[in-house]
Amino acid sequence: MNDEDQQEEVDLPAPAVPEPAHPATGTLSPERVAAKALETRLLGGERKLRRREV
């Protein structure tokens, strides 16, 4: 390694990353909404199967 290579490896300060906006308390993220919808749909199908067995 020569002196020029050492000068190129200077640590630069990290760019400022904006803080993500926090949702209001009680709100669901889109991923959570989708997970709950899937869970409801799957549980609904399970209930239908139980009704047919009885």
Protein backbone atom coordinates (compact mmCIF):
# COMPACT_ATOMS: atom_id res chain seq x y z
CA MET A 1 0.00 0.00 0.00
CA ASN A 2 1.30 3.44 -0.80
CA ASP A 3 0.38 6.80 0.72
CA GLU A 4 -2.24 7.54 -1.95
CA ASP A 5 -4.26 4.41 -1.08
CA GLN A 6 -4.28 5.33 2.60
CA GLN A 7 -5.68 8.76 1.84
CA GLU A 8 -8.63 7.27 -0.10
CA GLU A 9 -9.78 5.22 2.90
CA VAL A 10 -10.84 8.22 4.99
CA ASP A 11 -13.94 7.60 7.12
CA LEU A 12 -16.65 10.03 6.16
CA PRO A 13 -19.50 10.90 8.51
CA ALA A 14 -22.65 8.92 7.76
CA PRO A 15 -25.32 10.86 5.88
CA ALA A 16 -28.19 12.03 8.02
CA VAL A 17 -31.01 9.49 7.89
CA PRO A 18 -34.44 11.00 8.53
CA GLU A 19 -36.29 9.44 11.43
CA PRO A 20 -39.29 7.39 10.28
CA ALA A 21 -42.60 8.93 11.30
CA HIS A 22 -44.10 6.90 14.11
CA PRO A 23 -47.76 5.97 13.53
CA ALA A 24 -50.32 6.94 16.12
CA THR A 25 -50.85 4.48 18.96
CA GLY A 26 -53.34 1.79 18.02
CA THR A 27 -52.75 1.93 14.27
CA LEU A 28 -51.68 -1.20 12.40
CA SER A 29 -48.92 -1.38 9.83
CA PRO A 30 -49.93 -2.61 6.36
CA GLU A 31 -48.09 -5.88 7.06
CA ARG A 32 -50.06 -6.40 10.28
CA VAL A 33 -53.36 -5.60 8.53
CA ALA A 34 -52.56 -8.20 5.86
CA ALA A 35 -51.57 -10.77 8.49
CA LYS A 36 -54.79 -10.22 10.40
CA ALA A 37 -56.87 -10.50 7.21
CA LEU A 38 -55.14 -13.76 6.31
CA GLU A 39 -55.64 -15.10 9.84
CA THR A 40 -59.33 -14.20 9.75
CA ARG A 41 -59.76 -15.84 6.35
CA LEU A 42 -57.99 -19.01 7.49
CA LEU A 43 -59.98 -19.20 10.72
CA GLY A 44 -63.20 -18.64 8.76
CA GLY A 45 -62.36 -21.63 6.56
CA GLU A 46 -61.66 -23.72 9.66
CA ARG A 47 -65.06 -22.83 11.11
CA LYS A 48 -66.78 -23.86 7.87
CA LEU A 49 -65.03 -27.24 7.98
CA ARG A 50 -66.08 -27.80 11.60
CA ARG A 51 -69.71 -27.01 10.71
CA ARG A 52 -69.68 -29.66 7.97
CA GLU A 53 -68.24 -32.30 10.33
CA VAL A 54 -71.01 -31.86 12.93
